[in-house]
N, C-alpha and C. Protein backbone atom coordinates (compact mmCIF):
# COMPACT_ATOMS: atom_id res chain seq x y z
N UNK A 1 74.97 -44.89 -180.59
CA UNK A 1 74.40 -45.77 -181.58
C UNK A 1 74.54 -45.14 -182.96
N UNK A 2 74.93 -45.95 -183.88
CA UNK A 2 75.07 -45.48 -185.25
C UNK A 2 73.76 -45.63 -185.98
N UNK A 3 73.65 -44.92 -187.10
CA UNK A 3 72.43 -44.98 -187.90
C UNK A 3 72.27 -46.34 -188.57
N UNK A 4 73.36 -47.11 -188.70
CA UNK A 4 73.27 -48.42 -189.33
C UNK A 4 72.98 -49.52 -188.32
N UNK A 5 72.85 -49.17 -187.06
CA UNK A 5 72.52 -50.14 -186.03
C UNK A 5 71.14 -50.72 -186.33
N UNK A 6 70.97 -52.04 -186.28
CA UNK A 6 69.67 -52.63 -186.62
C UNK A 6 68.52 -52.13 -185.74
N UNK A 7 68.78 -51.86 -184.48
CA UNK A 7 67.70 -51.37 -183.61
C UNK A 7 67.25 -49.97 -184.04
N UNK A 8 68.20 -49.12 -184.41
CA UNK A 8 67.85 -47.77 -184.87
C UNK A 8 67.11 -47.85 -186.20
N UNK A 9 67.57 -48.71 -187.08
CA UNK A 9 66.91 -48.88 -188.37
C UNK A 9 65.48 -49.37 -188.18
N UNK A 10 65.29 -50.35 -187.31
CA UNK A 10 63.95 -50.87 -187.03
C UNK A 10 63.05 -49.78 -186.46
N UNK A 11 63.57 -48.99 -185.53
CA UNK A 11 62.80 -47.90 -184.94
C UNK A 11 62.40 -46.87 -185.99
N UNK A 12 63.31 -46.52 -186.88
CA UNK A 12 63.02 -45.56 -187.94
C UNK A 12 61.92 -46.09 -188.85
N UNK A 13 62.00 -47.35 -189.22
CA UNK A 13 60.99 -47.95 -190.09
C UNK A 13 59.62 -47.94 -189.43
N UNK A 14 59.57 -48.32 -188.17
CA UNK A 14 58.29 -48.38 -187.46
C UNK A 14 57.69 -46.98 -187.33
N UNK A 15 58.49 -46.01 -186.93
CA UNK A 15 57.97 -44.65 -186.73
C UNK A 15 57.47 -44.06 -188.04
N UNK A 16 58.27 -44.16 -189.10
CA UNK A 16 57.87 -43.58 -190.38
C UNK A 16 56.64 -44.29 -190.93
N UNK A 17 56.57 -45.61 -190.81
CA UNK A 17 55.41 -46.34 -191.30
C UNK A 17 54.13 -45.98 -190.57
N UNK A 18 54.20 -45.89 -189.24
CA UNK A 18 53.01 -45.54 -188.47
C UNK A 18 52.57 -44.11 -188.71
N UNK A 19 53.54 -43.20 -188.75
CA UNK A 19 53.20 -41.79 -188.99
C UNK A 19 52.62 -41.60 -190.39
N UNK A 20 53.19 -42.28 -191.38
CA UNK A 20 52.67 -42.17 -192.74
C UNK A 20 51.24 -42.70 -192.81
N UNK A 21 50.95 -43.79 -192.13
CA UNK A 21 49.60 -44.33 -192.12
C UNK A 21 48.61 -43.41 -191.45
N UNK A 22 49.01 -42.80 -190.34
CA UNK A 22 48.12 -41.88 -189.63
C UNK A 22 47.85 -40.63 -190.46
N UNK A 23 48.90 -40.07 -191.04
CA UNK A 23 48.74 -38.86 -191.85
C UNK A 23 47.90 -39.17 -193.10
N UNK A 24 48.17 -40.30 -193.72
CA UNK A 24 47.41 -40.68 -194.92
C UNK A 24 45.94 -40.86 -194.60
N UNK A 25 45.65 -41.43 -193.43
CA UNK A 25 44.26 -41.62 -193.04
C UNK A 25 43.56 -40.28 -192.82
N UNK A 26 44.28 -39.31 -192.30
CA UNK A 26 43.69 -38.00 -192.06
C UNK A 26 43.51 -37.21 -193.35
N UNK A 27 44.40 -37.38 -194.30
CA UNK A 27 44.34 -36.60 -195.54
C UNK A 27 43.43 -37.25 -196.57
N UNK A 28 43.57 -38.55 -196.79
CA UNK A 28 42.88 -39.22 -197.90
C UNK A 28 41.66 -40.00 -197.42
N UNK A 29 41.02 -39.53 -196.41
CA UNK A 29 39.83 -40.25 -195.93
C UNK A 29 38.70 -40.12 -196.93
N UNK A 30 37.77 -41.07 -196.90
CA UNK A 30 36.64 -40.98 -197.82
C UNK A 30 35.74 -39.80 -197.47
N UNK A 31 34.98 -39.38 -198.43
CA UNK A 31 34.11 -38.24 -198.22
C UNK A 31 32.96 -38.61 -197.27
N UNK A 32 32.24 -37.61 -196.84
CA UNK A 32 31.14 -37.82 -195.92
C UNK A 32 30.07 -38.72 -196.54
N UNK A 33 29.76 -38.47 -197.81
CA UNK A 33 28.74 -39.26 -198.48
C UNK A 33 29.16 -40.73 -198.61
N UNK A 34 30.41 -40.97 -198.93
CA UNK A 34 30.91 -42.34 -199.04
C UNK A 34 30.83 -43.04 -197.70
N UNK A 35 31.19 -42.36 -196.63
CA UNK A 35 31.10 -42.96 -195.30
C UNK A 35 29.65 -43.28 -194.94
N UNK A 36 28.72 -42.45 -195.36
CA UNK A 36 27.31 -42.69 -195.05
C UNK A 36 26.75 -43.86 -195.85
N UNK A 37 27.16 -43.98 -197.11
CA UNK A 37 26.63 -45.04 -197.96
C UNK A 37 27.31 -46.38 -197.73
N UNK A 38 28.64 -46.37 -197.63
CA UNK A 38 29.39 -47.62 -197.52
C UNK A 38 29.72 -47.98 -196.08
N UNK A 39 29.67 -47.03 -195.19
CA UNK A 39 30.04 -47.30 -193.81
C UNK A 39 31.54 -47.18 -193.61
N UNK A 40 31.93 -47.03 -192.39
CA UNK A 40 33.35 -46.94 -192.06
C UNK A 40 33.87 -48.35 -191.84
N UNK A 41 34.59 -48.88 -192.83
CA UNK A 41 35.06 -50.26 -192.75
C UNK A 41 36.50 -50.37 -192.26
N UNK A 42 37.16 -49.29 -192.16
CA UNK A 42 38.52 -49.34 -191.63
C UNK A 42 38.74 -48.12 -190.76
N UNK A 43 39.77 -48.15 -190.02
CA UNK A 43 40.02 -47.04 -189.13
C UNK A 43 41.46 -46.60 -189.16
N UNK A 44 41.78 -45.83 -188.20
CA UNK A 44 43.12 -45.28 -188.06
C UNK A 44 44.16 -46.38 -187.85
N UNK A 45 43.79 -47.40 -187.09
CA UNK A 45 44.73 -48.49 -186.80
C UNK A 45 45.06 -49.26 -188.07
N UNK A 46 44.07 -49.50 -188.90
CA UNK A 46 44.31 -50.23 -190.14
C UNK A 46 45.24 -49.45 -191.06
N UNK A 47 45.02 -48.16 -191.18
CA UNK A 47 45.90 -47.34 -192.02
C UNK A 47 47.31 -47.31 -191.47
N UNK A 48 47.45 -47.26 -190.16
CA UNK A 48 48.79 -47.27 -189.56
C UNK A 48 49.50 -48.59 -189.82
N UNK A 49 48.78 -49.69 -189.75
CA UNK A 49 49.39 -50.99 -190.01
C UNK A 49 49.74 -51.18 -191.48
N UNK A 50 48.91 -50.67 -192.37
CA UNK A 50 49.22 -50.73 -193.80
C UNK A 50 50.45 -49.87 -194.10
N UNK A 51 50.55 -48.70 -193.47
CA UNK A 51 51.74 -47.86 -193.62
C UNK A 51 52.98 -48.55 -193.10
N UNK A 52 52.85 -49.27 -192.00
CA UNK A 52 53.98 -50.02 -191.45
C UNK A 52 54.43 -51.12 -192.40
N UNK A 53 53.48 -51.82 -192.97
CA UNK A 53 53.81 -52.86 -193.95
C UNK A 53 54.51 -52.27 -195.17
N UNK A 54 54.02 -51.13 -195.64
CA UNK A 54 54.65 -50.47 -196.77
C UNK A 54 56.05 -49.98 -196.45
N UNK A 55 56.26 -49.52 -195.23
CA UNK A 55 57.59 -49.07 -194.83
C UNK A 55 58.58 -50.23 -194.85
N UNK A 56 58.16 -51.38 -194.34
CA UNK A 56 59.04 -52.55 -194.38
C UNK A 56 59.29 -53.00 -195.82
N UNK A 57 58.27 -52.94 -196.64
CA UNK A 57 58.44 -53.31 -198.05
C UNK A 57 59.41 -52.37 -198.75
N UNK A 58 59.25 -51.07 -198.51
CA UNK A 58 60.17 -50.09 -199.10
C UNK A 58 61.60 -50.29 -198.64
N UNK A 59 61.79 -50.59 -197.37
CA UNK A 59 63.13 -50.84 -196.83
C UNK A 59 63.78 -52.04 -197.50
N UNK A 60 63.03 -53.13 -197.61
CA UNK A 60 63.61 -54.34 -198.19
C UNK A 60 63.83 -54.22 -199.69
N UNK A 61 62.95 -53.51 -200.39
CA UNK A 61 63.17 -53.31 -201.82
C UNK A 61 64.37 -52.40 -202.07
N UNK A 62 64.56 -51.40 -201.23
CA UNK A 62 65.73 -50.53 -201.38
C UNK A 62 67.01 -51.32 -201.14
N UNK A 63 66.99 -52.20 -200.16
CA UNK A 63 68.15 -53.05 -199.91
C UNK A 63 68.40 -54.03 -201.03
N UNK A 64 67.34 -54.54 -201.61
CA UNK A 64 67.45 -55.50 -202.71
C UNK A 64 68.07 -54.85 -203.94
N UNK A 65 67.70 -53.61 -204.22
CA UNK A 65 68.23 -52.90 -205.37
C UNK A 65 69.49 -52.11 -205.05
N UNK A 66 69.98 -52.17 -203.84
CA UNK A 66 71.21 -51.49 -203.46
C UNK A 66 71.06 -49.99 -203.31
N UNK A 67 69.88 -49.51 -202.95
CA UNK A 67 69.64 -48.08 -202.84
C UNK A 67 69.77 -47.56 -201.41
N UNK A 68 70.05 -48.42 -200.45
CA UNK A 68 70.11 -48.00 -199.05
C UNK A 68 71.56 -47.73 -198.65
N UNK A 69 72.11 -46.63 -199.13
CA UNK A 69 73.51 -46.31 -198.88
C UNK A 69 73.71 -45.43 -197.66
N UNK A 70 72.70 -44.72 -197.22
CA UNK A 70 72.86 -43.84 -196.08
C UNK A 70 71.55 -43.64 -195.36
N UNK A 71 71.59 -42.87 -194.28
CA UNK A 71 70.37 -42.66 -193.51
C UNK A 71 69.29 -41.91 -194.29
N UNK A 72 69.68 -40.96 -195.12
CA UNK A 72 68.69 -40.21 -195.90
C UNK A 72 68.02 -41.12 -196.93
N UNK A 73 68.80 -41.97 -197.56
CA UNK A 73 68.23 -42.92 -198.52
C UNK A 73 67.29 -43.89 -197.82
N UNK A 74 67.62 -44.27 -196.60
CA UNK A 74 66.75 -45.14 -195.82
C UNK A 74 65.41 -44.47 -195.55
N UNK A 75 65.44 -43.23 -195.12
CA UNK A 75 64.21 -42.50 -194.81
C UNK A 75 63.36 -42.31 -196.06
N UNK A 76 63.99 -41.98 -197.17
CA UNK A 76 63.25 -41.79 -198.43
C UNK A 76 62.63 -43.10 -198.90
N UNK A 77 63.39 -44.19 -198.85
CA UNK A 77 62.88 -45.49 -199.30
C UNK A 77 61.73 -45.97 -198.42
N UNK A 78 61.87 -45.80 -197.13
CA UNK A 78 60.83 -46.24 -196.20
C UNK A 78 59.57 -45.40 -196.38
N UNK A 79 59.72 -44.09 -196.48
CA UNK A 79 58.57 -43.21 -196.67
C UNK A 79 57.88 -43.46 -197.99
N UNK A 80 58.65 -43.62 -199.04
CA UNK A 80 58.07 -43.87 -200.35
C UNK A 80 57.35 -45.22 -200.39
N UNK A 81 57.93 -46.22 -199.77
CA UNK A 81 57.27 -47.53 -199.71
C UNK A 81 55.95 -47.46 -198.96
N UNK A 82 55.93 -46.73 -197.85
CA UNK A 82 54.70 -46.60 -197.07
C UNK A 82 53.62 -45.88 -197.86
N UNK A 83 53.99 -44.79 -198.52
CA UNK A 83 53.00 -44.01 -199.28
C UNK A 83 52.47 -44.80 -200.46
N UNK A 84 53.34 -45.51 -201.16
CA UNK A 84 52.90 -46.28 -202.34
C UNK A 84 51.95 -47.40 -201.92
N UNK A 85 52.28 -48.12 -200.87
CA UNK A 85 51.40 -49.21 -200.43
C UNK A 85 50.08 -48.66 -199.92
N UNK A 86 50.10 -47.55 -199.18
CA UNK A 86 48.86 -46.94 -198.72
C UNK A 86 48.00 -46.48 -199.89
N UNK A 87 48.62 -45.89 -200.89
CA UNK A 87 47.88 -45.43 -202.06
C UNK A 87 47.28 -46.62 -202.82
N UNK A 88 48.08 -47.69 -203.02
CA UNK A 88 47.56 -48.87 -203.72
C UNK A 88 46.43 -49.52 -202.93
N UNK A 89 46.57 -49.57 -201.62
CA UNK A 89 45.51 -50.13 -200.78
C UNK A 89 44.23 -49.33 -200.90
N UNK A 90 44.36 -48.02 -200.94
CA UNK A 90 43.18 -47.17 -201.06
C UNK A 90 42.55 -47.31 -202.44
N UNK A 91 43.35 -47.50 -203.49
CA UNK A 91 42.82 -47.66 -204.83
C UNK A 91 42.09 -48.99 -204.99
N UNK A 92 42.60 -50.03 -204.38
CA UNK A 92 41.98 -51.34 -204.48
C UNK A 92 40.67 -51.37 -203.72
N UNK A 93 40.63 -50.71 -202.58
CA UNK A 93 39.40 -50.67 -201.80
C UNK A 93 38.41 -49.90 -202.56
């Protein structure tokens, strides 16, 4: 299978999006006091799904702007998209 195979590309996007969401949830979680006052309104699954959505957004924006020329560019675009959407989601909340 080549790196440009749609199944491989889909798998890469899903894995990077889910891993980015899980890692972001572990690193950027709210403080203890915030959890006590506001309650835990989201969990690990929500962060993973937001990361997945960001990964797909990053992939499609990279393709739209012609930045997806190779596998490394794909990984960077997907990871960056996931992190940006996770960060924006956390800022809005």
